Amino acid sequence: MKNRSNLYKNISKSEEDWLKELGEDRYIVLRKKGTERPFSGKYCNFKDNGGYKCGACGQLLFLSTAKYDSGCGWPSFFQPAKGENVTEIPDYSHGMSRIEVVCSRCDSHLGHVFDDGPKETGLRYCINSISLNFEEME
């Protein structure tokens, strides 16, 4: 698990500004740690080549080369594009013990990481589609 660090943080906005910028649906997930319904997100079965960026600040988070179909209902990746671009935080909410994944630049909630992923890393970054913006890459 990575330690929280202010080393990469450079975005600070009021919650009111985040709400205006993101809109209510994205704000609930990215800033209030909400979760979209399984199998409802636009990137769940998406297969184009490129990068997935933070829906709040635009930092590159995941690459399509690390995306796989886990069957869990959310886009799944076996590793981030750069380890320093995500922060992992213990999450004991809802009576569970999980690891939350947030953007290291703006602290926006992305989803959770689990240790039941494919052989490449053994990890499954289970990420809300609404937390991401896709950008095609060559």
C-alpha atoms as a PDB file:
ATOM      1  CA  MET A   1       0.000   0.000   0.000  1.00  0.00           C
ATOM      2  CA  LYS A   2       1.296   3.425  -0.916  1.00  0.00           C
ATOM      3  CA  ASN A   3       1.634   6.134   1.684  1.00  0.00           C
ATOM      4  CA  ARG A   4      -0.352   9.307   1.278  1.00  0.00           C
ATOM      5  CA  SER A   5       1.915  12.128   0.267  1.00  0.00           C
ATOM      6  CA  ASN A   6       1.439  15.734  -0.748  1.00  0.00           C
ATOM      7  CA  LEU A   7       4.333  15.366  -3.179  1.00  0.00           C
ATOM      8  CA  TYR A   8       2.064  15.146  -6.228  1.00  0.00           C
ATOM      9  CA  LYS A   9      -0.873  17.221  -5.035  1.00  0.00           C
ATOM     10  CA  ASN A  10      -1.337  20.521  -6.781  1.00  0.00           C
ATOM     11  CA  ILE A  11      -5.082  20.880  -7.147  1.00  0.00           C
ATOM     12  CA  SER A  12      -7.163  22.364  -4.388  1.00  0.00           C
ATOM     13  CA  LYS A  13     -10.734  23.575  -4.895  1.00  0.00           C
ATOM     14  CA  SER A  14     -13.713  24.175  -2.686  1.00  0.00           C
ATOM     15  CA  GLU A  15     -16.409  21.510  -2.716  1.00  0.00           C
ATOM     16  CA  GLU A  16     -18.739  24.103  -4.221  1.00  0.00           C
ATOM     17  CA  ASP A  17     -16.295  24.611  -7.126  1.00  0.00           C
ATOM     18  CA  TRP A  18     -15.951  20.832  -7.615  1.00  0.00           C
ATOM     19  CA  LEU A  19     -19.738  20.454  -7.771  1.00  0.00           C
ATOM     20  CA  LYS A  20     -20.055  23.240 -10.369  1.00  0.00           C
ATOM     21  CA  GLU A  21     -17.243  21.755 -12.470  1.00  0.00           C
ATOM     22  CA  LEU A  22     -18.162  18.071 -12.255  1.00  0.00           C
ATOM     23  CA  GLY A  23     -21.961  18.091 -12.114  1.00  0.00           C
ATOM     24  CA  GLU A  24     -23.934  16.181  -9.506  1.00  0.00           C
ATOM     25  CA  ASP A  25     -23.401  12.578 -10.712  1.00  0.00           C
ATOM     26  CA  ARG A  26     -19.630  12.848 -11.048  1.00  0.00           C
ATOM     27  CA  TYR A  27     -19.356  14.895  -7.876  1.00  0.00           C
ATOM     28  CA  ILE A  28     -21.111  12.202  -5.825  1.00  0.00           C
ATOM     29  CA  VAL A  29     -18.622   9.544  -6.950  1.00  0.00           C
ATOM     30  CA  LEU A  30     -15.397  11.538  -7.280  1.00  0.00           C
ATOM     31  CA  ARG A  31     -15.719  13.820  -4.266  1.00  0.00           C
ATOM     32  CA  LYS A  32     -18.181  12.023  -1.953  1.00  0.00           C
ATOM     33  CA  LYS A  33     -16.915   8.459  -2.530  1.00  0.00           C
ATOM     34  CA  GLY A  34     -20.069   7.214  -4.201  1.00  0.00           C
ATOM     35  CA  THR A  35     -20.288   4.180  -6.491  1.00  0.00           C
ATOM     36  CA  GLU A  36     -22.048   3.788  -9.815  1.00  0.00           C
ATOM     37  CA  ARG A  37     -24.283   0.759 -10.306  1.00  0.00           C
ATOM     38  CA  PRO A  38     -22.468  -2.343 -11.604  1.00  0.00           C
ATOM     39  CA  PHE A  39     -22.509  -2.852 -15.386  1.00  0.00           C
ATOM     40  CA  SER A  40     -23.869   0.687 -15.889  1.00  0.00           C
ATOM     41  CA  GLY A  41     -20.667   2.594 -16.685  1.00  0.00           C
ATOM     42  CA  LYS A  42     -19.631   3.484 -20.217  1.00  0.00           C
ATOM     43  CA  TYR A  43     -16.161   1.947 -19.830  1.00  0.00           C
ATOM     44  CA  CYS A  44     -17.229  -1.408 -18.380  1.00  0.00           C
ATOM     45  CA  ASN A  45     -17.109  -3.190 -21.763  1.00  0.00           C
ATOM     46  CA  PHE A  46     -15.098  -0.526 -23.599  1.00  0.00           C
ATOM     47  CA  LYS A  47     -12.146  -1.889 -25.582  1.00  0.00           C
ATOM     48  CA  ASP A  48     -10.488   1.038 -27.432  1.00  0.00           C
ATOM     49  CA  ASN A  49      -6.742   1.648 -27.090  1.00  0.00           C
ATOM     50  CA  GLY A  50      -5.638   4.602 -25.041  1.00  0.00           C
ATOM     51  CA  GLY A  51      -5.435   6.093 -21.601  1.00  0.00           C
ATOM     52  CA  TYR A  52      -7.930   6.605 -18.813  1.00  0.00           C
ATOM     53  CA  LYS A  53      -7.565   9.943 -17.057  1.00  0.00           C
ATOM     54  CA  CYS A  54      -8.987  11.296 -13.820  1.00  0.00           C
ATOM     55  CA  GLY A  55     -12.434  12.722 -14.482  1.00  0.00           C
ATOM     56  CA  ALA A  56     -11.722  15.593 -12.098  1.00  0.00           C
ATOM     57  CA  CYS A  57      -8.177  16.750 -12.917  1.00  0.00           C
ATOM     58  CA  GLY A  58      -7.081  14.911 -16.082  1.00  0.00           C
ATOM     59  CA  GLN A  59      -4.105  13.040 -14.634  1.00  0.00           C
ATOM     60  CA  LEU A  60      -3.338   9.797 -16.520  1.00  0.00           C
ATOM     61  CA  LEU A  61      -4.340   6.879 -14.296  1.00  0.00           C
ATOM     62  CA  PHE A  62      -4.649   3.660 -16.322  1.00  0.00           C
ATOM     63  CA  LEU A  63      -3.787   2.354 -19.798  1.00  0.00           C
ATOM     64  CA  SER A  64      -5.987   0.144 -21.940  1.00  0.00           C
ATOM     65  CA  THR A  65      -3.140  -2.400 -22.067  1.00  0.00           C
ATOM     66  CA  ALA A  66      -3.762  -3.081 -18.348  1.00  0.00           C
ATOM     67  CA  LYS A  67      -7.563  -3.310 -18.678  1.00  0.00           C
ATOM     68  CA  TYR A  68      -9.259  -6.692 -18.505  1.00  0.00           C
ATOM     69  CA  ASP A  69     -12.730  -8.160 -18.080  1.00  0.00           C
ATOM     70  CA  SER A  70     -13.023  -9.203 -14.452  1.00  0.00           C
ATOM     71  CA  GLY A  71     -16.788  -9.689 -14.653  1.00  0.00           C
ATOM     72  CA  CYS A  72     -17.293  -7.500 -11.568  1.00  0.00           C
ATOM     73  CA  GLY A  73     -19.377  -4.812 -13.308  1.00  0.00           C
ATOM     74  CA  TRP A  74     -16.819  -2.008 -13.276  1.00  0.00           C
ATOM     75  CA  PRO A  75     -13.772  -1.335 -15.461  1.00  0.00           C
ATOM     76  CA  SER A  76     -10.874  -3.362 -14.092  1.00  0.00           C
ATOM     77  CA  PHE A  77      -7.138  -2.834 -14.476  1.00  0.00           C
ATOM     78  CA  PHE A  78      -4.234  -4.918 -13.169  1.00  0.00           C
ATOM     79  CA  GLN A  79      -1.962  -1.887 -12.660  1.00  0.00           C
ATOM     80  CA  PRO A  80      -1.984   1.914 -12.867  1.00  0.00           C
ATOM     81  CA  ALA A  81      -0.209   3.746 -15.693  1.00  0.00           C
ATOM     82  CA  LYS A  82       2.246   5.098 -13.091  1.00  0.00           C
ATOM     83  CA  GLY A  83       2.186   3.970  -9.487  1.00  0.00           C
ATOM     84  CA  GLU A  84       2.626   7.500  -8.206  1.00  0.00           C
ATOM     85  CA  ASN A  85      -0.559   8.642  -9.988  1.00  0.00           C
ATOM     86  CA  VAL A  86      -2.838   6.766  -7.596  1.00  0.00           C
ATOM     87  CA  THR A  87      -2.920   6.685  -3.816  1.00  0.00           C
ATOM     88  CA  GLU A  88      -4.186   3.688  -1.874  1.00  0.00           C
ATOM     89  CA  ILE A  89      -5.957   4.272   1.435  1.00  0.00           C
ATOM     90  CA  PRO A  90      -7.377   1.768   3.949  1.00  0.00           C
ATOM     91  CA  ASP A  91     -11.192   1.923   3.833  1.00  0.00           C
ATOM     92  CA  TYR A  92     -13.267   0.414   6.646  1.00  0.00           C
ATOM     93  CA  SER A  93     -16.581   1.945   5.608  1.00  0.00           C
ATOM     94  CA  HIS A  94     -19.796  -0.084   5.245  1.00  0.00           C
ATOM     95  CA  GLY A  95     -18.472  -2.765   7.607  1.00  0.00           C
ATOM     96  CA  MET A  96     -15.792  -3.881   5.136  1.00  0.00           C
ATOM     97  CA  SER A  97     -12.008  -3.828   5.004  1.00  0.00           C
ATOM     98  CA  ARG A  98     -10.906  -2.584   1.581  1.00  0.00           C
ATOM     99  CA  ILE A  99      -8.305  -0.384  -0.064  1.00  0.00           C
ATOM    100  CA  GLU A 100      -9.661   2.786  -1.648  1.00  0.00           C
ATOM    101  CA  VAL A 101      -7.957   4.185  -4.752  1.00  0.00           C
ATOM    102  CA  VAL A 102      -7.812   7.960  -5.227  1.00  0.00           C
ATOM    103  CA  CYS A 103      -6.109  10.244  -7.729  1.00  0.00           C
ATOM    104  CA  SER A 104      -2.797  11.371  -6.228  1.00  0.00           C
ATOM    105  CA  ARG A 105      -3.144  14.849  -7.725  1.00  0.00           C
ATOM    106  CA  CYS A 106      -6.649  15.859  -6.613  1.00  0.00           C
ATOM    107  CA  ASP A 107      -7.695  13.183  -4.051  1.00  0.00           C
ATOM    108  CA  SER A 108     -10.758  12.214  -6.087  1.00  0.00           C
ATOM    109  CA  HIS A 109     -12.268   8.803  -5.362  1.00  0.00           C
ATOM    110  CA  LEU A 110     -11.793   6.296  -8.196  1.00  0.00           C
ATOM    111  CA  GLY A 111     -12.775   2.939  -6.712  1.00  0.00           C
ATOM    112  CA  HIS A 112     -10.998   0.146  -4.820  1.00  0.00           C
ATOM    113  CA  VAL A 113      -8.147  -2.304  -5.380  1.00  0.00           C
ATOM    114  CA  PHE A 114      -8.422  -5.994  -4.513  1.00  0.00           C
ATOM    115  CA  ASP A 115      -5.887  -8.836  -4.512  1.00  0.00           C
ATOM    116  CA  ASP A 116      -7.887 -11.167  -6.765  1.00  0.00           C
ATOM    117  CA  GLY A 117      -6.596  -9.915 -10.111  1.00  0.00           C
ATOM    118  CA  PRO A 118      -4.840 -11.672 -13.007  1.00  0.00           C
ATOM    119  CA  LYS A 119      -1.387 -13.203 -12.875  1.00  0.00           C
ATOM    120  CA  GLU A 120       0.359 -10.064 -14.161  1.00  0.00           C
ATOM    121  CA  THR A 121       0.137  -8.399 -10.727  1.00  0.00           C
ATOM    122  CA  GLY A 122      -2.558 -10.260  -8.810  1.00  0.00           C
ATOM    123  CA  LEU A 123      -4.384  -6.942  -8.420  1.00  0.00           C
ATOM    124  CA  ARG A 124      -7.803  -5.774  -9.572  1.00  0.00           C
ATOM    125  CA  TYR A 125      -8.248  -2.028  -9.643  1.00  0.00           C
ATOM    126  CA  CYS A 126     -12.046  -1.830  -9.726  1.00  0.00           C
ATOM    127  CA  ILE A 127     -12.756   1.705 -10.964  1.00  0.00           C
ATOM    128  CA  ASN A 128     -15.961   3.683 -11.509  1.00  0.00           C
ATOM    129  CA  SER A 129     -16.397   4.643 -15.187  1.00  0.00           C
ATOM    130  CA  ILE A 130     -17.783   8.002 -14.118  1.00  0.00           C
ATOM    131  CA  SER A 131     -14.424   8.724 -12.409  1.00  0.00           C
ATOM    132  CA  LEU A 132     -12.607   8.436 -15.740  1.00  0.00           C
ATOM    133  CA  ASN A 133     -12.216  10.168 -19.082  1.00  0.00           C
ATOM    134  CA  PHE A 134     -10.815   8.133 -21.961  1.00  0.00           C
ATOM    135  CA  GLU A 135      -8.284   9.520 -24.415  1.00  0.00           C
ATOM    136  CA  GLU A 136      -7.307   7.612 -27.541  1.00  0.00           C
ATOM    137  CA  MET A 137      -3.567   7.018 -27.948  1.00  0.00           C
ATOM    138  CA  GLU A 138      -1.500   5.593 -30.757  1.00  0.00           C
END
